Amino acid sequence: MQAEADFFELLALGGEYIGKLEAAIMADKRRQMHEVTSDRHPLNKKNNNNMSPLYVACLHGNYHAVALLLSFHADPKVLNCI
């Protein structure tokens, strides 16, 4: 769970951490376990506040993280219950 919390923290921090964010995405072996359109895929999986990674990046105005997530095919249609 700590790795997931760290991932969401990187999404919130901003552009200077984009390299670490990309490395975290590439290192996550769970990416191959689920279809990218699945809400169980790591790029779509919600945090404890029921927010998707893409939503968190947008919420914090982290344009580079948004672009990175979309380049890895994060699903922009994932519903967020906030």
Protein backbone atom coordinates (compact mmCIF):
# COMPACT_ATOMS: atom_id res chain seq x y z
CA MET A 1 0.00 0.00 0.00
CA GLN A 2 2.89 2.39 0.62
CA ALA A 3 3.95 2.17 -3.01
CA GLU A 4 0.41 3.16 -4.05
CA ALA A 5 0.47 6.13 -1.66
CA ASP A 6 3.86 7.18 -3.04
CA PHE A 7 2.47 6.96 -6.59
CA PHE A 8 -0.41 9.30 -5.76
CA GLU A 9 1.99 11.65 -3.97
CA LEU A 10 4.14 11.86 -7.11
CA LEU A 11 1.02 12.71 -9.12
CA ALA A 12 0.34 15.63 -6.81
CA LEU A 13 3.89 16.97 -6.59
CA GLY A 14 4.36 18.28 -10.08
CA GLY A 15 6.61 18.31 -13.09
CA GLU A 16 9.97 18.01 -11.36
CA TYR A 17 9.02 14.49 -10.29
CA ILE A 18 7.86 13.33 -13.72
CA GLY A 19 10.91 11.06 -14.16
CA LYS A 20 10.18 9.29 -10.88
CA LEU A 21 6.54 8.96 -11.84
CA GLU A 22 7.41 7.41 -15.20
CA ALA A 23 9.85 5.02 -13.51
CA ALA A 24 7.14 3.97 -11.03
CA ILE A 25 4.72 3.26 -13.88
CA MET A 26 7.31 1.27 -15.84
CA ALA A 27 8.35 -0.75 -12.77
CA ASP A 28 4.79 -1.76 -11.84
CA LYS A 29 4.44 -5.36 -12.99
CA ARG A 30 0.66 -5.26 -12.38
CA ARG A 31 0.27 -3.26 -15.62
CA GLN A 32 0.37 -6.49 -17.63
CA MET A 33 -2.18 -8.24 -15.40
CA HIS A 34 -5.22 -6.17 -16.39
CA GLU A 35 -6.58 -4.58 -19.53
CA VAL A 36 -5.82 -0.86 -19.59
CA THR A 37 -9.56 -0.11 -19.71
CA SER A 38 -10.13 -2.02 -16.47
CA ASP A 39 -10.61 -0.07 -13.26
CA ARG A 40 -8.25 -2.62 -11.68
CA HIS A 41 -5.39 -1.50 -13.94
CA PRO A 42 -2.84 0.48 -11.84
CA LEU A 43 -3.27 3.58 -14.02
CA ASN A 44 -7.01 3.58 -13.31
CA LYS A 45 -7.11 2.23 -9.75
CA LYS A 46 -8.54 4.72 -7.27
CA ASN A 47 -6.88 5.81 -4.04
CA ASN A 48 -8.43 5.73 -0.56
CA ASN A 49 -10.32 8.93 -1.39
CA ASN A 50 -11.90 7.23 -4.43
CA MET A 51 -9.94 9.36 -6.91
CA SER A 52 -8.25 7.98 -10.03
CA PRO A 53 -4.62 8.84 -10.81
CA LEU A 54 -5.73 11.00 -13.73
CA TYR A 55 -8.14 12.92 -11.51
CA VAL A 56 -5.43 13.53 -8.88
CA ALA A 57 -3.02 14.83 -11.50
CA CYS A 58 -5.72 17.18 -12.89
CA LEU A 59 -6.74 18.29 -9.41
CA HIS A 60 -3.19 19.43 -8.69
CA GLY A 61 -2.73 21.02 -12.12
CA ASN A 62 0.06 18.59 -12.96
CA TYR A 63 -0.08 18.84 -16.75
CA HIS A 64 3.01 16.67 -17.25
CA ALA A 65 1.56 13.85 -15.15
CA VAL A 66 -1.74 14.06 -17.04
CA ALA A 67 0.10 13.82 -20.35
CA LEU A 68 2.20 10.92 -19.08
CA LEU A 69 -0.81 8.98 -17.80
CA LEU A 70 -2.65 9.49 -21.07
CA SER A 71 0.43 8.39 -23.04
CA PHE A 72 0.30 5.11 -21.07
CA HIS A 73 -3.44 4.89 -21.95
CA ALA A 74 -4.97 5.73 -18.57
CA ASP A 75 -8.74 5.70 -19.01
CA PRO A 76 -10.19 9.24 -18.82
CA LYS A 77 -13.66 7.77 -18.45
CA VAL A 78 -13.04 6.24 -15.00
CA LEU A 79 -15.67 7.62 -12.64
CA ASN A 80 -14.51 9.38 -9.48
CA CYS A 81 -16.83 9.39 -6.48
CA ILE A 82 -15.83 12.43 -4.52
